[in-house]
């Protein structure tokens, strides 16, 4: 196997590393934290099935990784068995589903087994949030039994039970109707998480419990959005304890007219003062 020239990752932080291999081109590509460090196409031997043992983090014992390896996974095909459903709200991107109401995605969950293997949907934001709003194009349903979606969050060490957080509620009834999933307090020790080498985000995830029935009709999302309010303040905050006023869009026209109205009022006051001054002179 060859080697790549990469920056040091011995900085005390977690890093995501991914190695892909294309059997058609014998191409190896290394990614660190989602960044590609090039390929070794045509320069290395093909990966083949053999009776040799698979070693992770060492090469026969003479060299070993200086760190901890966690959540090692092997996927086929190259896509990593993961579909990206959001592209920052860019509706011109064909892979934007959750924000784009014209581009819908079928949430075809399979139940998770006792070892936690199965299909998960991850939802994340760069800031903590307290819920998601769900609008379904097609409501999910089951032919028999009952559905049970588990909701979890990353606490820095493992996936913890989001449903135990104060005020948790799933009014979608496991994606069988429109509604929201929300909680009243920030989850305990909620920490950012990287999904398949993506940006670190405050993530929650959901999956079908291994005791749940399967969907007879898979839910199809129309949109799924967090409850985070994004504001842009185009000025400098020069003092403490400032009050931010949120104005409904229907009233924006009055904000545009306000400076003009103030100017007209000033001119009108000046005319009145002038008339009074002239009367005084007379």
C-alpha atoms as a PDB file:
ATOM      1  CA  UNK A   1       0.000   0.000   0.000  1.00  0.00           C
ATOM      2  CA  UNK A   2       1.233   3.492  -0.786  1.00  0.00           C
ATOM      3  CA  UNK A   3       1.031   6.607   1.336  1.00  0.00           C
ATOM      4  CA  UNK A   4      -0.421  10.132   1.334  1.00  0.00           C
ATOM      5  CA  UNK A   5       1.047  13.400   2.539  1.00  0.00           C
ATOM      6  CA  UNK A   6      -1.424  14.813   5.054  1.00  0.00           C
ATOM      7  CA  UNK A   7      -1.391  17.411   7.867  1.00  0.00           C
ATOM      8  CA  UNK A   8      -0.842  16.241  11.437  1.00  0.00           C
ATOM      9  CA  UNK A   9      -3.960  15.016  13.212  1.00  0.00           C
ATOM     10  CA  UNK A  10      -2.305  14.575  16.626  1.00  0.00           C
ATOM     11  CA  UNK A  11      -4.005  17.622  18.131  1.00  0.00           C
ATOM     12  CA  UNK A  12      -6.194  16.071  20.822  1.00  0.00           C
ATOM     13  CA  UNK A  13      -9.363  16.243  18.699  1.00  0.00           C
ATOM     14  CA  UNK A  14     -11.418  13.568  16.996  1.00  0.00           C
ATOM     15  CA  UNK A  15     -10.951  13.244  13.223  1.00  0.00           C
ATOM     16  CA  UNK A  16     -12.913  11.321  10.626  1.00  0.00           C
ATOM     17  CA  UNK A  17     -10.920   9.264   8.126  1.00  0.00           C
ATOM     18  CA  UNK A  18     -12.341   7.440   5.139  1.00  0.00           C
ATOM     19  CA  UNK A  19     -10.622   5.280   2.538  1.00  0.00           C
ATOM     20  CA  UNK A  20     -12.505   4.354  -0.633  1.00  0.00           C
ATOM     21  CA  UNK A  21     -11.522   1.720  -3.171  1.00  0.00           C
ATOM     22  CA  UNK A  22     -12.906   1.374  -6.702  1.00  0.00           C
ATOM     23  CA  UNK A  23     -12.543  -2.182  -8.027  1.00  0.00           C
ATOM     24  CA  UNK A  24     -12.951  -1.022 -11.627  1.00  0.00           C
ATOM     25  CA  UNK A  25     -10.023   1.419 -11.612  1.00  0.00           C
ATOM     26  CA  UNK A  26      -8.026   0.100  -8.633  1.00  0.00           C
ATOM     27  CA  UNK A  27      -8.332   3.645  -7.272  1.00  0.00           C
ATOM     28  CA  UNK A  28      -7.738   4.400  -3.610  1.00  0.00           C
ATOM     29  CA  UNK A  29      -8.847   7.806  -2.228  1.00  0.00           C
ATOM     30  CA  UNK A  30      -8.178   9.037   1.301  1.00  0.00           C
ATOM     31  CA  UNK A  31     -10.460  11.581   3.008  1.00  0.00           C
ATOM     32  CA  UNK A  32      -9.763  13.290   6.338  1.00  0.00           C
ATOM     33  CA  UNK A  33     -12.607  15.310   7.851  1.00  0.00           C
ATOM     34  CA  UNK A  34     -14.319  15.267   4.457  1.00  0.00           C
ATOM     35  CA  UNK A  35     -11.295  16.582   2.512  1.00  0.00           C
ATOM     36  CA  UNK A  36      -9.800  14.419  -0.245  1.00  0.00           C
ATOM     37  CA  UNK A  37      -6.026  13.942  -0.247  1.00  0.00           C
ATOM     38  CA  UNK A  38      -5.868  12.448  -3.721  1.00  0.00           C
ATOM     39  CA  UNK A  39      -5.879   8.977  -5.179  1.00  0.00           C
ATOM     40  CA  UNK A  40      -3.333   6.255  -5.825  1.00  0.00           C
ATOM     41  CA  UNK A  41      -4.983   5.031  -9.018  1.00  0.00           C
ATOM     42  CA  UNK A  42      -3.059   2.326 -10.839  1.00  0.00           C
ATOM     43  CA  UNK A  43      -0.121   2.386  -8.432  1.00  0.00           C
ATOM     44  CA  UNK A  44      -1.294  -0.198  -5.919  1.00  0.00           C
ATOM     45  CA  UNK A  45      -2.368  -3.829  -5.924  1.00  0.00           C
ATOM     46  CA  UNK A  46      -6.049  -4.681  -5.991  1.00  0.00           C
ATOM     47  CA  UNK A  47      -7.815  -5.620  -2.770  1.00  0.00           C
ATOM     48  CA  UNK A  48      -8.637  -9.307  -2.925  1.00  0.00           C
ATOM     49  CA  UNK A  49     -10.192 -11.864  -0.615  1.00  0.00           C
ATOM     50  CA  UNK A  50      -7.546 -13.866   1.224  1.00  0.00           C
ATOM     51  CA  UNK A  51      -6.978 -15.905   4.361  1.00  0.00           C
ATOM     52  CA  UNK A  52      -4.792 -13.182   5.889  1.00  0.00           C
ATOM     53  CA  UNK A  53      -6.085 -11.348   8.933  1.00  0.00           C
ATOM     54  CA  UNK A  54      -7.299  -7.755   8.636  1.00  0.00           C
ATOM     55  CA  UNK A  55      -5.327  -5.370  10.832  1.00  0.00           C
ATOM     56  CA  UNK A  56      -6.595  -1.880  11.654  1.00  0.00           C
ATOM     57  CA  UNK A  57      -4.197   0.638  13.166  1.00  0.00           C
ATOM     58  CA  UNK A  58      -0.998  -1.340  12.745  1.00  0.00           C
ATOM     59  CA  UNK A  59       1.031  -3.178  10.107  1.00  0.00           C
ATOM     60  CA  UNK A  60       1.862  -6.474  11.687  1.00  0.00           C
ATOM     61  CA  UNK A  61       2.865  -5.011  15.015  1.00  0.00           C
ATOM     62  CA  UNK A  62       5.944  -2.975  14.010  1.00  0.00           C
ATOM     63  CA  UNK A  63       4.005   0.291  13.718  1.00  0.00           C
ATOM     64  CA  UNK A  64       0.851   1.245  15.585  1.00  0.00           C
ATOM     65  CA  UNK A  65      -1.502   4.202  15.496  1.00  0.00           C
ATOM     66  CA  UNK A  66      -0.958   6.806  18.210  1.00  0.00           C
ATOM     67  CA  UNK A  67      -4.548   7.343  19.240  1.00  0.00           C
ATOM     68  CA  UNK A  68      -7.963   5.757  19.632  1.00  0.00           C
ATOM     69  CA  UNK A  69      -9.966   4.268  16.745  1.00  0.00           C
ATOM     70  CA  UNK A  70     -13.715   4.452  17.225  1.00  0.00           C
ATOM     71  CA  UNK A  71     -16.730   3.456  15.119  1.00  0.00           C
ATOM     72  CA  UNK A  72     -14.852   1.563  12.418  1.00  0.00           C
ATOM     73  CA  UNK A  73     -17.224   0.667   9.576  1.00  0.00           C
ATOM     74  CA  UNK A  74     -17.016  -1.069   6.189  1.00  0.00           C
ATOM     75  CA  UNK A  75     -19.512  -0.162   3.474  1.00  0.00           C
ATOM     76  CA  UNK A  76     -20.293  -1.220  -0.051  1.00  0.00           C
ATOM     77  CA  UNK A  77     -20.745   0.514  -2.477  1.00  0.00           C
ATOM     78  CA  UNK A  78     -18.487   3.580  -2.449  1.00  0.00           C
ATOM     79  CA  UNK A  79     -21.359   5.860  -1.469  1.00  0.00           C
ATOM     80  CA  UNK A  80     -20.983   4.556   2.057  1.00  0.00           C
ATOM     81  CA  UNK A  81     -24.646   3.545   2.156  1.00  0.00           C
ATOM     82  CA  UNK A  82     -25.499   7.121   3.150  1.00  0.00           C
ATOM     83  CA  UNK A  83     -27.751   9.530   1.250  1.00  0.00           C
ATOM     84  CA  UNK A  84     -27.295  13.273   1.768  1.00  0.00           C
ATOM     85  CA  UNK A  85     -30.754  14.823   1.979  1.00  0.00           C
ATOM     86  CA  UNK A  86     -29.817  18.452   2.615  1.00  0.00           C
ATOM     87  CA  UNK A  87     -27.535  20.852   0.769  1.00  0.00           C
ATOM     88  CA  UNK A  88     -27.815  23.998   2.878  1.00  0.00           C
ATOM     89  CA  UNK A  89     -31.274  24.847   1.575  1.00  0.00           C
ATOM     90  CA  UNK A  90     -30.019  25.204  -2.020  1.00  0.00           C
ATOM     91  CA  UNK A  91     -33.137  24.234  -3.982  1.00  0.00           C
ATOM     92  CA  UNK A  92     -31.181  24.338  -7.258  1.00  0.00           C
ATOM     93  CA  UNK A  93     -29.266  21.262  -6.032  1.00  0.00           C
ATOM     94  CA  UNK A  94     -31.028  18.025  -6.957  1.00  0.00           C
ATOM     95  CA  UNK A  95     -29.807  16.492  -3.675  1.00  0.00           C
ATOM     96  CA  UNK A  96     -31.666  19.070  -1.551  1.00  0.00           C
ATOM     97  CA  UNK A  97     -34.740  17.295  -0.206  1.00  0.00           C
ATOM     98  CA  UNK A  98     -35.548  18.404   3.336  1.00  0.00           C
ATOM     99  CA  UNK A  99     -35.892  22.131   2.500  1.00  0.00           C
ATOM    100  CA  UNK A 100     -37.215  21.770  -1.059  1.00  0.00           C
ATOM    101  CA  UNK A 101     -40.951  21.112  -1.088  1.00  0.00           C
ATOM    102  CA  UNK A 102     -40.786  20.100  -4.755  1.00  0.00           C
ATOM    103  CA  UNK A 103     -38.163  17.395  -4.175  1.00  0.00           C
ATOM    104  CA  UNK A 104     -39.432  14.607  -1.929  1.00  0.00           C
ATOM    105  CA  UNK A 105     -37.565  11.671  -0.410  1.00  0.00           C
ATOM    106  CA  UNK A 106     -38.923   8.295   0.665  1.00  0.00           C
ATOM    107  CA  UNK A 107     -37.854   7.431   4.227  1.00  0.00           C
ATOM    108  CA  UNK A 108     -37.636   3.668   3.771  1.00  0.00           C
ATOM    109  CA  UNK A 109     -36.577   2.627   7.275  1.00  0.00           C
ATOM    110  CA  UNK A 110     -35.624  -0.928   8.165  1.00  0.00           C
ATOM    111  CA  UNK A 111     -35.757  -1.954  11.813  1.00  0.00           C
ATOM    112  CA  UNK A 112     -32.516  -1.825  13.797  1.00  0.00           C
ATOM    113  CA  UNK A 113     -31.324  -5.163  15.168  1.00  0.00           C
ATOM    114  CA  UNK A 114     -30.267  -5.920  18.746  1.00  0.00           C
ATOM    115  CA  UNK A 115     -26.675  -4.888  17.934  1.00  0.00           C
ATOM    116  CA  UNK A 116     -27.806  -1.459  16.692  1.00  0.00           C
ATOM    117  CA  UNK A 117     -27.296  -2.287  13.016  1.00  0.00           C
ATOM    118  CA  UNK A 118     -29.846  -0.799  10.673  1.00  0.00           C
ATOM    119  CA  UNK A 119     -30.965   2.418   9.008  1.00  0.00           C
ATOM    120  CA  UNK A 120     -30.786   5.785  10.739  1.00  0.00           C
ATOM    121  CA  UNK A 121     -31.793   9.293   9.730  1.00  0.00           C
ATOM    122  CA  UNK A 122     -29.513  12.030  11.117  1.00  0.00           C
ATOM    123  CA  UNK A 123     -30.652  15.640  11.470  1.00  0.00           C
ATOM    124  CA  UNK A 124     -28.221  18.331  12.584  1.00  0.00           C
ATOM    125  CA  UNK A 125     -27.598  22.043  12.994  1.00  0.00           C
ATOM    126  CA  UNK A 126     -24.530  24.138  13.813  1.00  0.00           C
ATOM    127  CA  UNK A 127     -26.376  25.398  16.905  1.00  0.00           C
ATOM    128  CA  UNK A 128     -28.539  23.614  19.454  1.00  0.00           C
ATOM    129  CA  UNK A 129     -32.196  23.404  18.518  1.00  0.00           C
ATOM    130  CA  UNK A 130     -35.296  22.244  20.358  1.00  0.00           C
ATOM    131  CA  UNK A 131     -37.346  20.575  17.679  1.00  0.00           C
ATOM    132  CA  UNK A 132     -38.084  19.854  14.032  1.00  0.00           C
ATOM    133  CA  UNK A 133     -41.168  20.594  11.937  1.00  0.00           C
ATOM    134  CA  UNK A 134     -42.301  17.760   9.688  1.00  0.00           C
ATOM    135  CA  UNK A 135     -44.589  18.033   6.675  1.00  0.00           C
ATOM    136  CA  UNK A 136     -45.179  14.718   4.899  1.00  0.00           C
ATOM    137  CA  UNK A 137     -46.043  14.269   1.239  1.00  0.00           C
ATOM    138  CA  UNK A 138     -47.155  10.717   2.083  1.00  0.00           C
ATOM    139  CA  UNK A 139     -48.036   9.612   5.599  1.00  0.00           C
ATOM    140  CA  UNK A 140     -46.364   6.441   6.803  1.00  0.00           C
ATOM    141  CA  UNK A 141     -48.469   3.510   7.957  1.00  0.00           C
ATOM    142  CA  UNK A 142     -48.133  -0.117   8.962  1.00  0.00           C
ATOM    143  CA  UNK A 143     -50.176  -3.096   7.822  1.00  0.00           C
ATOM    144  CA  UNK A 144     -50.213  -4.617  11.311  1.00  0.00           C
ATOM    145  CA  UNK A 145     -48.854  -4.026  14.800  1.00  0.00           C
ATOM    146  CA  UNK A 146     -47.448  -0.660  15.895  1.00  0.00           C
ATOM    147  CA  UNK A 147     -44.600   1.591  14.816  1.00  0.00           C
ATOM    148  CA  UNK A 148     -41.894   2.812  17.186  1.00  0.00           C
ATOM    149  CA  UNK A 149     -39.309   5.362  16.060  1.00  0.00           C
ATOM    150  CA  UNK A 150     -36.498   5.828  18.586  1.00  0.00           C
ATOM    151  CA  UNK A 151     -35.038   9.347  18.940  1.00  0.00           C
ATOM    152  CA  UNK A 152     -31.479   9.850  20.193  1.00  0.00           C
ATOM    153  CA  UNK A 153     -28.810  12.565  20.519  1.00  0.00           C
ATOM    154  CA  UNK A 154     -24.990  12.460  20.751  1.00  0.00           C
ATOM    155  CA  UNK A 155     -23.687  13.183  24.280  1.00  0.00           C
ATOM    156  CA  UNK A 156     -19.993  13.097  23.385  1.00  0.00           C
ATOM    157  CA  UNK A 157     -19.550   9.411  24.241  1.00  0.00           C
ATOM    158  CA  UNK A 158     -22.595   7.580  22.913  1.00  0.00           C
ATOM    159  CA  UNK A 159     -26.090   7.975  21.517  1.00  0.00           C
ATOM    160  CA  UNK A 160     -28.380   8.887  24.413  1.00  0.00           C
ATOM    161  CA  UNK A 161     -32.160   8.748  24.756  1.00  0.00           C
ATOM    162  CA  UNK A 162     -33.668  12.020  23.474  1.00  0.00           C
ATOM    163  CA  UNK A 163     -37.127  10.875  24.567  1.00  0.00           C
ATOM    164  CA  UNK A 164     -36.034  11.091  28.211  1.00  0.00           C
ATOM    165  CA  UNK A 165     -35.478  14.862  27.924  1.00  0.00           C
ATOM    166  CA  UNK A 166     -38.090  17.034  29.646  1.00  0.00           C
ATOM    167  CA  UNK A 167     -41.033  17.883  27.416  1.00  0.00           C
ATOM    168  CA  UNK A 168     -40.195  15.472  24.583  1.00  0.00           C
ATOM    169  CA  UNK A 169     -43.126  14.888  22.246  1.00  0.00           C
ATOM    170  CA  UNK A 170     -43.556  13.372  18.789  1.00  0.00           C
ATOM    171  CA  UNK A 171     -46.800  14.718  17.365  1.00  0.00           C
ATOM    172  CA  UNK A 172     -46.029  13.041  14.012  1.00  0.00           C
ATOM    173  CA  UNK A 173     -46.861   9.723  15.724  1.00  0.00           C
ATOM    174  CA  UNK A 174     -43.783   8.068  14.187  1.00  0.00           C
ATOM    175  CA  UNK A 175     -44.066   9.831  10.818  1.00  0.00           C
ATOM    176  CA  UNK A 176     -47.668   8.795  10.228  1.00  0.00           C
ATOM    177  CA  UNK A 177     -48.947  12.390  10.099  1.00  0.00           C
ATOM    178  CA  UNK A 178     -47.717  15.990   9.858  1.00  0.00           C
ATOM    179  CA  UNK A 179     -46.465  17.474  13.094  1.00  0.00           C
ATOM    180  CA  UNK A 180     -43.323  18.195  15.037  1.00  0.00           C
ATOM    181  CA  UNK A 181     -40.802  16.525  17.298  1.00  0.00           C
ATOM    182  CA  UNK A 182     -39.719  18.784  20.140  1.00  0.00           C
ATOM    183  CA  UNK A 183     -38.270  18.945  23.670  1.00  0.00           C
ATOM    184  CA  UNK A 184     -38.262  21.671  26.336  1.00  0.00           C
ATOM    185  CA  UNK A 185     -34.652  21.559  27.600  1.00  0.00           C
ATOM    186  CA  UNK A 186     -31.240  21.207  25.991  1.00  0.00           C
ATOM    187  CA  UNK A 187     -30.262  17.524  26.085  1.00  0.00           C
ATOM    188  CA  UNK A 188     -27.712  16.720  28.797  1.00  0.00           C
ATOM    189  CA  UNK A 189     -24.104  17.041  27.530  1.00  0.00           C
ATOM    190  CA  UNK A 190     -25.262  17.460  23.922  1.00  0.00           C
ATOM    191  CA  UNK A 191     -22.121  17.570  21.774  1.00  0.00           C
ATOM    192  CA  UNK A 192     -21.421  18.078  18.026  1.00  0.00           C
ATOM    193  CA  UNK A 193     -21.038  14.959  15.883  1.00  0.00           C
ATOM    194  CA  UNK A 194     -19.694  14.270  12.391  1.00  0.00           C
ATOM    195  CA  UNK A 195     -21.726  11.955  10.156  1.00  0.00           C
ATOM    196  CA  UNK A 196     -19.508  10.161   7.632  1.00  0.00           C
ATOM    197  CA  UNK A 197     -16.872  12.897   7.753  1.00  0.00           C
ATOM    198  CA  UNK A 198     -19.277  15.812   7.405  1.00  0.00           C
ATOM    199  CA  UNK A 199     -19.131  19.060   9.387  1.00  0.00           C
ATOM    200  CA  UNK A 200     -19.534  18.654  13.153  1.00  0.00           C
ATOM    201  CA  UNK A 201     -23.169  19.446  14.001  1.00  0.00           C
ATOM    202  CA  UNK A 202     -25.506  19.109  16.945  1.00  0.00           C
ATOM    203  CA  UNK A 203     -27.193  15.940  15.738  1.00  0.00           C
ATOM    204  CA  UNK A 204     -30.215  13.893  16.578  1.00  0.00           C
ATOM    205  CA  UNK A 205     -31.052  10.619  14.887  1.00  0.00           C
ATOM    206  CA  UNK A 206     -34.059   8.385  14.545  1.00  0.00           C
ATOM    207  CA  UNK A 207     -34.520   4.710  13.681  1.00  0.00           C
ATOM    208  CA  UNK A 208     -37.119   1.976  13.854  1.00  0.00           C
ATOM    209  CA  UNK A 209     -36.799   0.107  17.145  1.00  0.00           C
ATOM    210  CA  UNK A 210     -36.016  -3.597  16.753  1.00  0.00           C
ATOM    211  CA  UNK A 211     -39.397  -4.423  18.344  1.00  0.00           C
ATOM    212  CA  UNK A 212     -41.284  -2.136  15.950  1.00  0.00           C
ATOM    213  CA  UNK A 213     -43.436  -3.217  13.054  1.00  0.00           C
ATOM    214  CA  UNK A 214     -42.252  -2.344   9.543  1.00  0.00           C
ATOM    215  CA  UNK A 215     -43.839   0.416   7.486  1.00  0.00           C
ATOM    216  CA  UNK A 216     -46.374  -0.935   5.011  1.00  0.00           C
ATOM    217  CA  UNK A 217     -46.406   2.498   3.380  1.00  0.00           C
ATOM    218  CA  UNK A 218     -43.104   4.339   3.755  1.00  0.00           C
ATOM    219  CA  UNK A 219     -43.352   7.996   4.832  1.00  0.00           C
ATOM    220  CA  UNK A 220     -42.330  10.484   2.137  1.00  0.00           C
ATOM    221  CA  UNK A 221     -41.101  13.873   3.343  1.00  0.00           C
ATOM    222  CA  UNK A 222     -42.318  17.127   1.835  1.00  0.00           C
ATOM    223  CA  UNK A 223     -40.060  19.178   4.089  1.00  0.00           C
ATOM    224  CA  UNK A 224     -38.309  18.743   7.436  1.00  0.00           C
ATOM    225  CA  UNK A 225     -36.934  21.885   9.070  1.00  0.00           C
ATOM    226  CA  UNK A 226     -35.491  22.698  12.467  1.00  0.00           C
ATOM    227  CA  UNK A 227     -37.069  25.309  14.727  1.00  0.00           C
ATOM    228  CA  UNK A 228     -33.909  27.438  14.648  1.00  0.00           C
ATOM    229  CA  UNK A 229     -34.597  31.101  13.872  1.00  0.00           C
ATOM    230  CA  UNK A 230     -31.825  32.518  11.671  1.00  0.00           C
ATOM    231  CA  UNK A 231     -31.296  36.254  11.979  1.00  0.00           C
ATOM    232  CA  UNK A 232     -28.893  38.558  10.160  1.00  0.00           C
ATOM    233  CA  UNK A 233     -28.116  41.895  11.779  1.00  0.00           C
ATOM    234  CA  UNK A 234     -26.297  44.174   9.341  1.00  0.00           C
ATOM    235  CA  UNK A 235     -24.837  46.629  11.798  1.00  0.00           C
ATOM    236  CA  UNK A 236     -22.536  46.888  14.808  1.00  0.00           C
ATOM    237  CA  UNK A 237     -23.815  46.144  18.295  1.00  0.00           C
ATOM    238  CA  UNK A 238     -22.328  49.019  20.312  1.00  0.00           C
ATOM    239  CA  UNK A 239     -24.024  48.599  23.705  1.00  0.00           C
ATOM    240  CA  UNK A 240     -25.228  45.896  26.082  1.00  0.00           C
ATOM    241  CA  UNK A 241     -28.847  44.798  26.561  1.00  0.00           C
ATOM    242  CA  UNK A 242     -30.092  45.774  23.111  1.00  0.00           C
ATOM    243  CA  UNK A 243     -33.687  44.983  22.152  1.00  0.00           C
ATOM    244  CA  UNK A 244     -34.226  43.125  18.891  1.00  0.00           C
ATOM    245  CA  UNK A 245     -37.618  43.662  17.291  1.00  0.00           C
ATOM    246  CA  UNK A 246     -38.825  41.069  14.770  1.00  0.00           C
ATOM    247  CA  UNK A 247     -41.202  42.605  12.224  1.00  0.00           C
ATOM    248  CA  UNK A 248     -43.589  40.402  10.186  1.00  0.00           C
ATOM    249  CA  UNK A 249     -42.884  40.403   6.465  1.00  0.00           C
ATOM    250  CA  UNK A 250     -46.264  42.039   5.681  1.00  0.00           C
ATOM    251  CA  UNK A 251     -45.115  45.166   7.562  1.00  0.00           C
ATOM    252  CA  UNK A 252     -41.748  45.523   5.803  1.00  0.00           C
ATOM    253  CA  UNK A 253     -43.187  48.105   3.384  1.00  0.00           C
ATOM    254  CA  UNK A 254     -43.811  50.460   6.329  1.00  0.00           C
ATOM    255  CA  UNK A 255     -40.175  50.119   7.384  1.00  0.00           C
ATOM    256  CA  UNK A 256     -39.142  51.250   3.900  1.00  0.00           C
ATOM    257  CA  UNK A 257     -41.555  54.216   4.022  1.00  0.00           C
ATOM    258  CA  UNK A 258     -40.685  55.219   7.608  1.00  0.00           C
ATOM    259  CA  UNK A 259     -37.620  57.378   6.715  1.00  0.00           C
ATOM    260  CA  UNK A 260     -39.634  59.184   4.024  1.00  0.00           C
ATOM    261  CA  UNK A 261     -42.495  59.840   6.436  1.00  0.00           C
ATOM    262  CA  UNK A 262     -40.075  61.194   9.038  1.00  0.00           C
ATOM    263  CA  UNK A 263     -38.599  63.560   6.454  1.00  0.00           C
ATOM    264  CA  UNK A 264     -42.069  64.803   5.428  1.00  0.00           C
ATOM    265  CA  UNK A 265     -43.026  65.395   9.059  1.00  0.00           C
ATOM    266  CA  UNK A 266     -39.834  67.378   9.657  1.00  0.00           C
ATOM    267  CA  UNK A 267     -40.550  69.572   6.617  1.00  0.00           C
ATOM    268  CA  UNK A 268     -44.123  70.122   7.785  1.00  0.00           C
ATOM    269  CA  UNK A 269     -42.944  71.192  11.256  1.00  0.00           C
ATOM    270  CA  UNK A 270     -40.469  73.623   9.676  1.00  0.00           C
ATOM    271  CA  UNK A 271     -43.250  75.218   7.602  1.00  0.00           C
ATOM    272  CA  UNK A 272     -45.382  75.652  10.714  1.00  0.00           C
ATOM    273  CA  UNK A 273     -42.517  77.255  12.620  1.00  0.00           C
ATOM    274  CA  UNK A 274     -41.854  79.585   9.683  1.00  0.00           C
ATOM    275  CA  UNK A 275     -45.508  80.674   9.512  1.00  0.00           C
ATOM    276  CA  UNK A 276     -45.552  81.346  13.249  1.00  0.00           C
ATOM    277  CA  UNK A 277     -42.316  83.371  12.951  1.00  0.00           C
ATOM    278  CA  UNK A 278     -43.735  85.470  10.096  1.00  0.00           C
ATOM    279  CA  UNK A 279     -46.929  86.171  12.039  1.00  0.00           C
ATOM    280  CA  UNK A 280     -44.793  87.250  14.984  1.00  0.00           C
ATOM    281  CA  UNK A 281     -42.863  89.677  12.775  1.00  0.00           C
ATOM    282  CA  UNK A 282     -46.071  91.161  11.437  1.00  0.00           C
END
